[in-house]
C-alpha cells in the first residue's frame, strides 16, 4: 500500500515537472517571437538605398533651381561618363529638367559653337579662364558640369554648378545611382545608338 502511494506521489511529481517544463518552453518561445517582432529593420544595402538615374537627374535639377532665380541663364557644358552616348543623354535630360524649373538653358548648337571657338575640353570641370570665356560667349551666368562614374557597386552622380565670372562652385549635388537592371539596360541601349553630330565631341 505504501509502495503504491509512493509510486502515485512520484507520478504526480513527474507530471508537475513536465507541465512546468512545457510552460517554460512556451514562455521562452513567446519571448523570442516578441524579440523578432520588435527587432529593428535591417539596413538597406547601398544598391537598395540608391536612386534611379531619372531620380538623380531630377534631384540635381531641383538643387540648382532652388538656389537660382527663375530666368537665370545657364549652360550644361559637359558630362563625364563611360560613353559619349551616355553623356549626351544625361546632358539632354538635365537640360529639360532645368528648363522645366524656369531656368533659361543655352541651346546645344550654341554650346557646340562655343566648344569649337574656344576649344575647351568636353570632360571634367572648367577652369576660371574657360568658364569666363564660355559665359561671355554664350551670355550665361552659370555653367554646369557633371560626372556619372561606376564605383564598383553603384554609380556616383555628381553635378557641379559654377559662377561663370569666377568659376566658383556655388551648387554641388553628390548622389548615388543604383546599378540595377534598368540602369544597365539603359546604358547598353545608349551605347548602341548613333551619336548626333552635336554630341560627337563628348
N, C-alpha and C. Protein backbone atom coordinates (compact mmCIF):
# COMPACT_ATOMS: atom_id res chain seq x y z
N UNK A 1 0.84 -1.19 0.00
CA UNK A 1 0.00 0.00 0.00
C UNK A 1 0.88 1.25 0.00
N UNK A 2 1.91 1.21 0.82
CA UNK A 2 2.84 2.32 0.89
C UNK A 2 3.57 2.49 -0.42
N UNK A 3 3.95 1.36 -1.05
CA UNK A 3 4.65 1.43 -2.34
C UNK A 3 3.76 2.09 -3.38
N UNK A 4 2.45 1.74 -3.38
CA UNK A 4 1.52 2.32 -4.35
C UNK A 4 1.38 3.83 -4.13
N UNK A 5 1.38 4.25 -2.85
CA UNK A 5 1.27 5.69 -2.56
C UNK A 5 2.51 6.44 -3.02
N UNK A 6 3.71 5.81 -2.75
CA UNK A 6 4.96 6.45 -3.18
C UNK A 6 5.02 6.56 -4.70
N UNK A 7 4.53 5.46 -5.36
CA UNK A 7 4.52 5.46 -6.83
C UNK A 7 3.58 6.55 -7.35
N UNK A 8 2.45 6.74 -6.67
CA UNK A 8 1.50 7.79 -7.07
C UNK A 8 2.09 9.18 -6.88
N UNK A 9 2.81 9.35 -5.73
CA UNK A 9 3.45 10.64 -5.49
C UNK A 9 4.49 10.95 -6.55
N UNK A 10 5.26 9.91 -6.94
CA UNK A 10 6.29 10.09 -7.97
C UNK A 10 5.66 10.48 -9.30
N UNK A 11 4.55 9.77 -9.61
CA UNK A 11 3.85 10.05 -10.87
C UNK A 11 3.32 11.48 -10.90
N UNK A 12 2.80 11.94 -9.78
CA UNK A 12 2.27 13.29 -9.70
C UNK A 12 3.38 14.33 -9.84
N UNK A 13 4.53 14.08 -9.17
CA UNK A 13 5.67 14.99 -9.26
C UNK A 13 6.20 15.06 -10.69
N UNK A 14 6.20 13.89 -11.37
CA UNK A 14 6.69 13.82 -12.75
C UNK A 14 5.79 14.65 -13.66
N UNK A 15 4.47 14.50 -13.45
CA UNK A 15 3.52 15.25 -14.27
C UNK A 15 3.69 16.75 -14.06
N UNK A 16 3.86 17.14 -12.77
CA UNK A 16 4.04 18.57 -12.48
C UNK A 16 5.32 19.10 -13.11
N UNK A 17 6.35 18.28 -13.11
CA UNK A 17 7.64 18.69 -13.69
C UNK A 17 7.50 18.88 -15.20
N UNK A 18 6.80 17.95 -15.84
CA UNK A 18 6.57 18.05 -17.29
C UNK A 18 5.77 19.30 -17.63
N UNK A 19 4.72 19.58 -16.84
CA UNK A 19 3.89 20.77 -17.08
C UNK A 19 4.71 22.05 -16.93
N UNK A 20 5.57 22.06 -15.88
CA UNK A 20 6.42 23.23 -15.65
C UNK A 20 7.39 23.42 -16.80
N UNK A 21 7.94 22.31 -17.32
CA UNK A 21 8.90 22.38 -18.42
C UNK A 21 8.23 22.93 -19.67
N UNK A 22 7.01 22.44 -19.95
CA UNK A 22 6.27 22.93 -21.11
C UNK A 22 5.97 24.43 -20.99
N UNK A 23 5.64 24.84 -19.75
CA UNK A 23 5.35 26.26 -19.52
C UNK A 23 6.57 27.13 -19.79
N UNK A 24 7.73 26.66 -19.36
CA UNK A 24 8.98 27.41 -19.59
C UNK A 24 9.29 27.55 -21.06
N UNK A 25 9.10 26.44 -21.77
CA UNK A 25 9.36 26.45 -23.22
C UNK A 25 8.43 27.43 -23.91
N UNK A 26 7.16 27.44 -23.52
CA UNK A 26 6.18 28.33 -24.13
C UNK A 26 6.54 29.79 -23.89
N UNK A 27 6.94 30.11 -22.65
CA UNK A 27 7.33 31.48 -22.33
C UNK A 27 8.57 31.89 -23.12
N UNK A 28 9.52 30.97 -23.25
CA UNK A 28 10.75 31.26 -23.99
C UNK A 28 10.45 31.53 -25.45
N UNK A 29 9.59 30.70 -26.06
CA UNK A 29 9.23 30.88 -27.47
C UNK A 29 8.53 32.21 -27.69
N UNK A 30 7.66 32.59 -26.75
CA UNK A 30 6.94 33.86 -26.87
C UNK A 30 7.92 35.03 -26.82
N UNK A 31 8.93 34.91 -25.96
CA UNK A 31 9.93 35.97 -25.86
C UNK A 31 10.73 36.11 -27.13
N UNK A 32 11.08 34.97 -27.74
CA UNK A 32 11.83 35.00 -29.00
C UNK A 32 11.01 35.65 -30.09
N UNK A 33 9.71 35.26 -30.16
CA UNK A 33 8.82 35.82 -31.17
C UNK A 33 8.68 37.31 -31.00
N UNK A 34 8.55 37.78 -29.73
CA UNK A 34 8.43 39.21 -29.46
C UNK A 34 9.70 39.95 -29.84
N UNK A 35 10.84 39.32 -29.53
CA UNK A 35 12.11 39.94 -29.85
C UNK A 35 12.26 40.11 -31.35
N UNK A 36 11.81 39.08 -32.11
CA UNK A 36 11.89 39.18 -33.56
C UNK A 36 10.96 40.25 -34.09
N UNK A 37 9.78 40.35 -33.46
CA UNK A 37 8.81 41.36 -33.90
C UNK A 37 9.31 42.77 -33.65
N UNK A 38 9.99 42.97 -32.51
CA UNK A 38 10.47 44.30 -32.15
C UNK A 38 11.86 44.61 -32.68
N UNK A 39 12.45 43.68 -33.40
CA UNK A 39 13.80 43.88 -33.91
C UNK A 39 13.80 45.01 -34.93
N UNK A 40 14.84 45.87 -34.91
CA UNK A 40 14.90 46.99 -35.86
C UNK A 40 15.05 46.46 -37.28
N UNK A 41 14.51 47.18 -38.28
CA UNK A 41 14.63 46.72 -39.67
C UNK A 41 16.08 46.68 -40.10
N UNK A 42 16.40 45.74 -40.95
CA UNK A 42 17.76 45.61 -41.44
C UNK A 42 18.11 46.81 -42.30
N UNK A 43 19.36 47.24 -42.21
CA UNK A 43 19.80 48.39 -43.00
C UNK A 43 19.80 48.03 -44.48
N UNK A 44 19.44 49.01 -45.30
CA UNK A 44 19.43 48.78 -46.73
C UNK A 44 20.85 48.69 -47.25
N UNK A 45 21.04 47.88 -48.26
CA UNK A 45 22.33 47.82 -48.92
C UNK A 45 22.50 49.07 -49.76
N UNK A 46 23.74 49.41 -50.14
CA UNK A 46 23.94 50.61 -50.95
C UNK A 46 23.09 50.64 -52.21
N UNK A 47 22.94 49.49 -52.86
CA UNK A 47 22.17 49.45 -54.11
C UNK A 47 20.69 49.67 -53.85
N UNK A 48 20.18 49.21 -52.69
CA UNK A 48 18.77 49.40 -52.37
C UNK A 48 18.49 50.86 -52.00
N UNK A 49 19.44 51.49 -51.32
CA UNK A 49 19.25 52.85 -50.85
C UNK A 49 19.48 53.87 -51.96
N UNK A 50 20.13 53.48 -53.05
CA UNK A 50 20.47 54.41 -54.12
C UNK A 50 19.25 54.78 -54.95
N UNK A 51 19.43 55.81 -55.79
CA UNK A 51 18.36 56.35 -56.61
C UNK A 51 18.37 55.73 -58.01
N UNK A 52 17.29 55.93 -58.74
CA UNK A 52 17.31 55.62 -60.16
C UNK A 52 18.01 56.79 -60.85
N UNK A 53 18.42 56.58 -62.09
CA UNK A 53 19.11 57.64 -62.82
C UNK A 53 18.18 58.84 -63.05
N UNK A 54 16.93 58.57 -63.38
CA UNK A 54 15.95 59.65 -63.58
C UNK A 54 15.77 60.46 -62.31
N UNK A 55 15.69 59.78 -61.16
CA UNK A 55 15.54 60.48 -59.88
C UNK A 55 16.75 61.37 -59.60
N UNK A 56 17.95 60.88 -59.91
CA UNK A 56 19.16 61.66 -59.67
C UNK A 56 19.17 62.93 -60.51
N UNK A 57 18.76 62.81 -61.77
CA UNK A 57 18.70 63.99 -62.65
C UNK A 57 17.73 65.02 -62.10
N UNK A 58 16.55 64.55 -61.67
CA UNK A 58 15.54 65.47 -61.15
C UNK A 58 16.00 66.14 -59.86
N UNK A 59 16.66 65.41 -58.98
CA UNK A 59 17.14 65.98 -57.72
C UNK A 59 18.22 67.02 -57.98
N UNK A 60 19.15 66.71 -58.90
CA UNK A 60 20.20 67.67 -59.24
C UNK A 60 19.61 68.94 -59.81
N UNK A 61 18.62 68.80 -60.69
CA UNK A 61 17.97 69.97 -61.28
C UNK A 61 17.24 70.78 -60.20
N UNK A 62 16.61 70.07 -59.26
CA UNK A 62 15.91 70.74 -58.17
C UNK A 62 16.89 71.50 -57.27
N UNK A 63 18.05 70.92 -57.02
CA UNK A 63 19.07 71.58 -56.20
C UNK A 63 19.51 72.90 -56.86
N UNK A 64 19.68 72.85 -58.17
CA UNK A 64 20.13 74.05 -58.90
C UNK A 64 19.04 75.11 -58.90
N UNK A 65 17.84 74.71 -59.28
CA UNK A 65 16.75 75.69 -59.38
C UNK A 65 16.37 76.29 -58.03
N UNK A 66 16.61 75.55 -56.96
CA UNK A 66 16.26 76.06 -55.63
C UNK A 66 17.14 77.23 -55.21
N UNK A 67 18.34 77.32 -55.79
CA UNK A 67 19.28 78.36 -55.39
C UNK A 67 19.44 79.46 -56.43
N UNK A 68 18.82 79.28 -57.60
CA UNK A 68 18.87 80.30 -58.63
C UNK A 68 17.47 80.83 -58.90
N UNK A 69 17.40 82.10 -59.24
CA UNK A 69 16.10 82.69 -59.53
C UNK A 69 15.62 82.28 -60.92
N UNK A 70 14.32 82.25 -61.11
CA UNK A 70 13.76 81.89 -62.41
C UNK A 70 14.24 82.89 -63.46
N UNK A 71 14.52 82.36 -64.65
CA UNK A 71 15.00 83.22 -65.73
C UNK A 71 16.51 83.33 -65.78
N UNK A 72 17.21 82.73 -64.79
CA UNK A 72 18.67 82.75 -64.80
C UNK A 72 19.18 81.97 -66.01
N UNK A 73 20.18 82.53 -66.70
CA UNK A 73 20.75 81.88 -67.88
C UNK A 73 21.86 80.92 -67.45
N UNK A 74 21.77 79.70 -67.94
CA UNK A 74 22.68 78.65 -67.51
C UNK A 74 23.02 77.73 -68.68
N UNK A 75 24.17 77.08 -68.62
CA UNK A 75 24.57 76.16 -69.69
C UNK A 75 25.14 74.88 -69.08
N UNK A 76 24.67 73.73 -69.56
CA UNK A 76 25.26 72.44 -69.17
C UNK A 76 26.37 72.17 -70.16
N UNK A 77 27.62 72.39 -69.74
CA UNK A 77 28.73 72.41 -70.70
C UNK A 77 29.36 71.04 -70.94
N UNK A 78 29.31 70.14 -69.98
CA UNK A 78 29.85 68.80 -70.22
C UNK A 78 29.39 67.81 -69.16
N UNK A 79 29.56 66.55 -69.48
CA UNK A 79 29.22 65.46 -68.56
C UNK A 79 30.17 64.31 -68.83
N UNK A 80 30.87 63.87 -67.80
CA UNK A 80 31.82 62.76 -67.92
C UNK A 80 31.12 61.44 -67.60
N UNK A 81 31.26 60.46 -68.49
CA UNK A 81 30.66 59.13 -68.25
C UNK A 81 31.47 58.10 -69.02
N UNK A 82 30.98 56.86 -69.01
CA UNK A 82 31.72 55.78 -69.66
C UNK A 82 31.56 55.75 -71.17
N UNK A 83 30.65 56.53 -71.72
CA UNK A 83 30.43 56.53 -73.17
C UNK A 83 29.86 57.88 -73.60
N UNK A 84 30.22 58.37 -74.79
CA UNK A 84 29.70 59.65 -75.29
C UNK A 84 28.18 59.68 -75.35
N UNK A 85 27.57 58.54 -75.71
CA UNK A 85 26.11 58.49 -75.81
C UNK A 85 25.45 58.71 -74.46
N UNK A 86 26.06 58.16 -73.41
CA UNK A 86 25.53 58.32 -72.06
C UNK A 86 25.65 59.78 -71.63
N UNK A 87 26.79 60.41 -71.92
CA UNK A 87 26.98 61.82 -71.60
C UNK A 87 25.95 62.68 -72.32
N UNK A 88 25.73 62.37 -73.58
CA UNK A 88 24.76 63.11 -74.38
C UNK A 88 23.36 63.01 -73.77
N UNK A 89 22.99 61.82 -73.38
CA UNK A 89 21.68 61.58 -72.77
C UNK A 89 21.52 62.36 -71.47
N UNK A 90 22.53 62.32 -70.63
CA UNK A 90 22.45 62.99 -69.33
C UNK A 90 22.38 64.50 -69.48
N UNK A 91 23.12 65.04 -70.43
CA UNK A 91 23.07 66.48 -70.68
C UNK A 91 21.69 66.90 -71.16
N UNK A 92 21.11 66.12 -72.06
CA UNK A 92 19.78 66.45 -72.57
C UNK A 92 18.73 66.36 -71.46
N UNK A 93 18.81 65.30 -70.66
CA UNK A 93 17.84 65.14 -69.58
C UNK A 93 17.95 66.26 -68.55
N UNK A 94 19.18 66.64 -68.24
CA UNK A 94 19.37 67.72 -67.27
C UNK A 94 18.90 69.06 -67.86
N UNK A 95 19.14 69.26 -69.15
CA UNK A 95 18.65 70.47 -69.82
C UNK A 95 17.13 70.59 -69.70
N UNK A 96 16.43 69.51 -70.03
CA UNK A 96 14.97 69.51 -69.96
C UNK A 96 14.48 69.76 -68.54
N UNK A 97 15.16 69.12 -67.57
CA UNK A 97 14.74 69.28 -66.17
C UNK A 97 14.93 70.71 -65.69
N UNK A 98 16.00 71.37 -66.15
CA UNK A 98 16.26 72.76 -65.75
C UNK A 98 15.27 73.72 -66.41
N UNK A 99 14.99 73.49 -67.68
CA UNK A 99 14.01 74.32 -68.38
C UNK A 99 12.65 74.20 -67.70
N UNK A 100 12.31 72.98 -67.31
CA UNK A 100 11.04 72.75 -66.64
C UNK A 100 10.91 73.46 -65.31
N UNK A 101 12.05 73.90 -64.77
CA UNK A 101 12.03 74.61 -63.48
C UNK A 101 12.24 76.11 -63.65
N UNK A 102 12.07 76.60 -64.87
CA UNK A 102 12.08 78.04 -65.08
C UNK A 102 13.41 78.68 -65.39
N UNK A 103 14.46 77.87 -65.62
CA UNK A 103 15.76 78.45 -65.96
C UNK A 103 15.90 78.53 -67.48
N UNK A 104 16.72 79.46 -67.95
CA UNK A 104 16.98 79.62 -69.38
C UNK A 104 18.28 78.89 -69.71
N UNK A 105 18.17 77.82 -70.48
CA UNK A 105 19.31 76.94 -70.76
C UNK A 105 19.84 77.19 -72.16
N UNK A 106 21.16 77.30 -72.27
CA UNK A 106 21.80 77.54 -73.57
C UNK A 106 21.51 76.38 -74.51
N UNK A 107 21.26 76.71 -75.76
CA UNK A 107 20.99 75.71 -76.79
C UNK A 107 22.25 74.90 -77.07
N UNK A 108 22.05 73.61 -77.38
CA UNK A 108 23.21 72.75 -77.64
C UNK A 108 24.00 73.20 -78.86
N UNK A 109 23.34 73.75 -79.86
CA UNK A 109 24.04 74.24 -81.04
C UNK A 109 24.97 75.40 -80.67
N UNK A 110 24.50 76.26 -79.77
CA UNK A 110 25.34 77.36 -79.29
C UNK A 110 26.54 76.82 -78.53
N UNK A 111 26.30 75.78 -77.75
CA UNK A 111 27.38 75.17 -76.96
C UNK A 111 28.43 74.56 -77.88
N UNK A 112 27.99 73.92 -78.96
CA UNK A 112 28.94 73.34 -79.91
C UNK A 112 29.78 74.43 -80.57
N UNK A 113 29.15 75.54 -80.86
CA UNK A 113 29.88 76.66 -81.45
C UNK A 113 30.92 77.18 -80.47
N UNK A 114 30.53 77.28 -79.21
CA UNK A 114 31.46 77.74 -78.18
C UNK A 114 32.63 76.77 -78.04
N UNK A 115 32.32 75.48 -78.09
CA UNK A 115 33.37 74.48 -77.95
C UNK A 115 34.39 74.57 -79.09
N UNK A 116 33.91 74.77 -80.29
CA UNK A 116 34.81 74.87 -81.45
C UNK A 116 35.60 76.17 -81.40
N UNK A 117 34.93 77.23 -81.02
CA UNK A 117 35.57 78.54 -81.00
C UNK A 117 36.60 78.65 -79.88
N UNK A 118 36.24 78.14 -78.71
CA UNK A 118 37.10 78.30 -77.54
C UNK A 118 38.01 77.10 -77.30
N UNK A 119 37.67 75.99 -77.96
CA UNK A 119 38.49 74.76 -77.87
C UNK A 119 38.66 74.27 -76.44
N UNK A 120 37.58 74.25 -75.70
CA UNK A 120 37.68 73.75 -74.33
C UNK A 120 37.35 72.26 -74.29
N UNK A 121 37.85 71.59 -73.27
CA UNK A 121 37.67 70.15 -73.12
C UNK A 121 36.21 69.84 -72.80
N UNK A 122 35.76 68.70 -73.31
CA UNK A 122 34.36 68.32 -73.11
C UNK A 122 34.17 67.43 -71.89
N UNK A 123 35.21 67.21 -71.11
CA UNK A 123 35.08 66.41 -69.89
C UNK A 123 35.81 67.10 -68.76
N UNK A 124 35.34 66.85 -67.54
CA UNK A 124 35.94 67.48 -66.39
C UNK A 124 35.40 68.88 -66.15
N UNK A 125 35.74 69.45 -65.00
CA UNK A 125 35.27 70.78 -64.66
C UNK A 125 36.10 71.83 -65.41
N UNK A 126 35.51 72.97 -65.65
CA UNK A 126 36.18 74.04 -66.39
C UNK A 126 36.95 74.93 -65.42
N UNK A 127 38.08 75.44 -65.90
CA UNK A 127 38.86 76.35 -65.06
C UNK A 127 38.28 77.76 -65.16
N UNK A 128 38.83 78.67 -64.41
CA UNK A 128 38.28 80.02 -64.34
C UNK A 128 38.32 80.72 -65.69
N UNK A 129 39.43 80.63 -66.38
CA UNK A 129 39.56 81.32 -67.66
C UNK A 129 38.55 80.78 -68.67
N UNK A 130 38.41 79.44 -68.72
CA UNK A 130 37.47 78.83 -69.65
C UNK A 130 36.04 79.18 -69.27
N UNK A 131 35.74 79.15 -67.98
CA UNK A 131 34.39 79.48 -67.52
C UNK A 131 34.02 80.90 -67.92
N UNK A 132 34.95 81.81 -67.76
CA UNK A 132 34.69 83.19 -68.14
C UNK A 132 34.45 83.31 -69.65
N UNK A 133 35.25 82.59 -70.43
CA UNK A 133 35.12 82.65 -71.89
C UNK A 133 33.79 82.06 -72.34
N UNK A 134 33.40 80.93 -71.75
CA UNK A 134 32.12 80.30 -72.11
C UNK A 134 30.97 81.21 -71.73
N UNK A 135 31.05 81.77 -70.52
CA UNK A 135 29.99 82.65 -70.05
C UNK A 135 29.79 83.84 -70.96
N UNK A 136 30.90 84.43 -71.38
CA UNK A 136 30.83 85.59 -72.26
C UNK A 136 30.31 85.21 -73.64
N UNK A 137 30.77 84.09 -74.15
CA UNK A 137 30.37 83.65 -75.49
C UNK A 137 28.88 83.31 -75.55
N UNK A 138 28.40 82.61 -74.53
CA UNK A 138 27.00 82.15 -74.51
C UNK A 138 26.06 83.14 -73.82
N UNK A 139 26.63 84.07 -73.09
CA UNK A 139 25.79 85.01 -72.36
C UNK A 139 25.09 84.37 -71.18
N UNK A 140 25.76 83.40 -70.52
CA UNK A 140 25.16 82.73 -69.37
C UNK A 140 25.84 83.17 -68.09
N UNK A 141 25.12 83.04 -67.00
CA UNK A 141 25.64 83.43 -65.69
C UNK A 141 26.26 82.26 -64.94
N UNK A 142 25.76 81.05 -65.25
CA UNK A 142 26.23 79.85 -64.55
C UNK A 142 26.47 78.72 -65.55
N UNK A 143 27.41 77.84 -65.19
CA UNK A 143 27.73 76.69 -66.03
C UNK A 143 27.70 75.42 -65.18
N UNK A 144 27.27 74.34 -65.81
CA UNK A 144 27.10 73.06 -65.10
C UNK A 144 27.99 71.99 -65.73
N UNK A 145 28.69 71.26 -64.89
CA UNK A 145 29.43 70.08 -65.33
C UNK A 145 28.95 68.89 -64.50
N UNK A 146 29.15 67.69 -65.04
CA UNK A 146 28.67 66.52 -64.31
C UNK A 146 29.55 65.30 -64.48
N UNK A 147 29.35 64.34 -63.61
CA UNK A 147 30.04 63.05 -63.67
C UNK A 147 29.05 61.93 -63.38
N UNK A 148 29.20 60.86 -64.15
CA UNK A 148 28.41 59.65 -63.89
C UNK A 148 29.39 58.49 -63.98
N UNK A 149 29.90 58.08 -62.81
CA UNK A 149 31.02 57.15 -62.76
C UNK A 149 30.67 55.90 -61.96
N UNK A 150 30.97 54.72 -62.52
CA UNK A 150 30.73 53.47 -61.81
C UNK A 150 31.78 53.29 -60.73
N UNK A 151 31.33 52.98 -59.50
CA UNK A 151 32.24 52.87 -58.36
C UNK A 151 32.41 51.45 -57.86
N UNK A 152 31.94 50.47 -58.62
CA UNK A 152 32.11 49.07 -58.24
C UNK A 152 30.83 48.39 -57.82
N UNK A 153 29.93 49.11 -57.17
CA UNK A 153 28.64 48.56 -56.76
C UNK A 153 27.49 49.46 -57.18
N UNK A 154 27.75 50.75 -57.14
CA UNK A 154 26.75 51.74 -57.56
C UNK A 154 27.44 52.77 -58.46
N UNK A 155 26.65 53.74 -58.91
CA UNK A 155 27.20 54.84 -59.70
C UNK A 155 27.22 56.12 -58.87
N UNK A 156 28.27 56.90 -59.05
CA UNK A 156 28.32 58.22 -58.44
C UNK A 156 27.81 59.22 -59.47
N UNK A 157 26.83 60.01 -59.07
CA UNK A 157 26.25 61.02 -59.95
C UNK A 157 26.51 62.37 -59.32
N UNK A 158 27.42 63.14 -59.91
CA UNK A 158 27.81 64.43 -59.32
C UNK A 158 27.56 65.54 -60.33
N UNK A 159 26.91 66.59 -59.87
CA UNK A 159 26.63 67.75 -60.71
C UNK A 159 27.15 68.99 -59.99
N UNK A 160 27.99 69.77 -60.68
CA UNK A 160 28.59 70.96 -60.09
C UNK A 160 28.18 72.19 -60.90
N UNK A 161 27.68 73.19 -60.23
CA UNK A 161 27.31 74.45 -60.87
C UNK A 161 28.29 75.53 -60.43
N UNK A 162 28.89 76.21 -61.40
CA UNK A 162 29.86 77.26 -61.10
C UNK A 162 29.37 78.60 -61.63
N UNK A 163 29.81 79.66 -61.01
CA UNK A 163 29.51 81.01 -61.48
C UNK A 163 30.46 81.31 -62.63
N UNK A 164 29.91 81.69 -63.77
CA UNK A 164 30.72 81.86 -64.98
C UNK A 164 31.83 82.90 -64.79
N UNK A 165 31.55 83.96 -64.08
CA UNK A 165 32.51 85.05 -63.93
C UNK A 165 33.75 84.64 -63.16
N UNK A 166 33.57 83.75 -62.18
CA UNK A 166 34.68 83.42 -61.30
C UNK A 166 35.03 81.93 -61.25
N UNK A 167 34.20 81.07 -61.86
CA UNK A 167 34.35 79.61 -61.80
C UNK A 167 34.22 79.09 -60.37
N UNK A 168 33.64 79.89 -59.51
CA UNK A 168 33.41 79.50 -58.12
C UNK A 168 32.26 78.49 -58.04
N UNK A 169 32.49 77.41 -57.31
CA UNK A 169 31.42 76.42 -57.10
C UNK A 169 30.34 77.03 -56.22
N UNK A 170 29.12 76.97 -56.70
CA UNK A 170 28.02 77.51 -55.91
C UNK A 170 27.00 76.44 -55.52
N UNK A 171 26.91 75.38 -56.32
CA UNK A 171 25.97 74.30 -56.02
C UNK A 171 26.62 72.97 -56.39
N UNK A 172 26.57 72.02 -55.48
CA UNK A 172 27.11 70.68 -55.74
C UNK A 172 26.11 69.63 -55.30
N UNK A 173 25.80 68.71 -56.19
CA UNK A 173 24.91 67.58 -55.85
C UNK A 173 25.71 66.29 -55.98
N UNK A 174 25.86 65.56 -54.88
CA UNK A 174 26.53 64.27 -54.88
C UNK A 174 25.50 63.19 -54.58
N UNK A 175 25.18 62.38 -55.57
CA UNK A 175 24.13 61.38 -55.43
C UNK A 175 24.64 60.00 -55.81
N UNK A 176 23.91 58.99 -55.36
CA UNK A 176 24.27 57.60 -55.67
C UNK A 176 23.15 56.97 -56.49
N UNK A 177 23.53 56.41 -57.61
CA UNK A 177 22.57 55.76 -58.51
C UNK A 177 22.80 54.26 -58.47
N UNK A 178 21.72 53.51 -58.28
CA UNK A 178 21.87 52.06 -58.18
C UNK A 178 22.17 51.42 -59.54
N UNK A 179 22.96 50.38 -59.48
CA UNK A 179 23.34 49.65 -60.68
C UNK A 179 22.37 48.48 -60.87
N UNK A 180 21.11 48.81 -61.15
CA UNK A 180 20.10 47.76 -61.30
C UNK A 180 19.91 47.42 -62.78
N UNK A 181 19.00 46.49 -63.06
CA UNK A 181 18.79 46.02 -64.43
C UNK A 181 18.34 47.15 -65.35
N UNK A 182 17.55 48.08 -64.80
CA UNK A 182 17.06 49.20 -65.62
C UNK A 182 18.20 50.11 -66.05
N UNK A 183 19.11 50.42 -65.11
CA UNK A 183 20.26 51.27 -65.43
C UNK A 183 21.17 50.59 -66.44
N UNK A 184 21.42 49.30 -66.22
CA UNK A 184 22.29 48.54 -67.13
C UNK A 184 21.71 48.50 -68.54
N UNK A 185 20.41 48.26 -68.63
CA UNK A 185 19.75 48.19 -69.94
C UNK A 185 19.81 49.54 -70.65
N UNK A 186 19.58 50.63 -69.90
CA UNK A 186 19.62 51.96 -70.48
C UNK A 186 21.01 52.27 -71.04
N UNK A 187 22.04 51.98 -70.27
CA UNK A 187 23.40 52.26 -70.71
C UNK A 187 23.76 51.44 -71.94
N UNK A 188 23.39 50.18 -71.93
CA UNK A 188 23.68 49.31 -73.08
C UNK A 188 22.96 49.81 -74.33
N UNK A 189 21.71 50.24 -74.16
CA UNK A 189 20.94 50.75 -75.29
C UNK A 189 21.55 52.04 -75.83
N UNK A 190 21.95 52.94 -74.93
CA UNK A 190 22.54 54.21 -75.35
C UNK A 190 23.84 53.99 -76.11
N UNK A 191 24.63 53.04 -75.68
CA UNK A 191 25.91 52.77 -76.33
C UNK A 191 25.74 52.30 -77.77
N UNK A 192 24.59 51.69 -78.04
CA UNK A 192 24.33 51.16 -79.39
C UNK A 192 23.74 52.21 -80.32
N UNK A 193 23.32 53.35 -79.76
CA UNK A 193 22.71 54.38 -80.59
C UNK A 193 23.77 55.21 -81.29
N UNK A 194 23.39 55.77 -82.42
CA UNK A 194 24.31 56.60 -83.19
C UNK A 194 24.32 58.00 -82.61
N UNK A 195 25.52 58.53 -82.42
CA UNK A 195 25.64 59.87 -81.87
C UNK A 195 25.20 60.91 -82.89
N UNK A 196 24.51 61.92 -82.41
CA UNK A 196 24.18 63.05 -83.27
C UNK A 196 25.42 63.92 -83.42
N UNK A 197 25.46 64.71 -84.46
CA UNK A 197 26.66 65.48 -84.77
C UNK A 197 27.08 66.41 -83.65
N UNK A 198 26.07 66.97 -82.89
CA UNK A 198 26.43 67.93 -81.85
C UNK A 198 27.01 67.28 -80.62
N UNK A 199 26.95 65.95 -80.51
CA UNK A 199 27.47 65.28 -79.31
C UNK A 199 28.74 64.51 -79.58
N UNK A 200 29.27 64.60 -80.81
CA UNK A 200 30.41 63.78 -81.18
C UNK A 200 31.68 64.16 -80.41
N UNK A 201 31.73 65.36 -79.88
CA UNK A 201 32.95 65.82 -79.19
C UNK A 201 33.01 65.38 -77.75
N UNK A 202 31.97 64.78 -77.22
CA UNK A 202 31.96 64.44 -75.79
C UNK A 202 32.87 63.27 -75.50
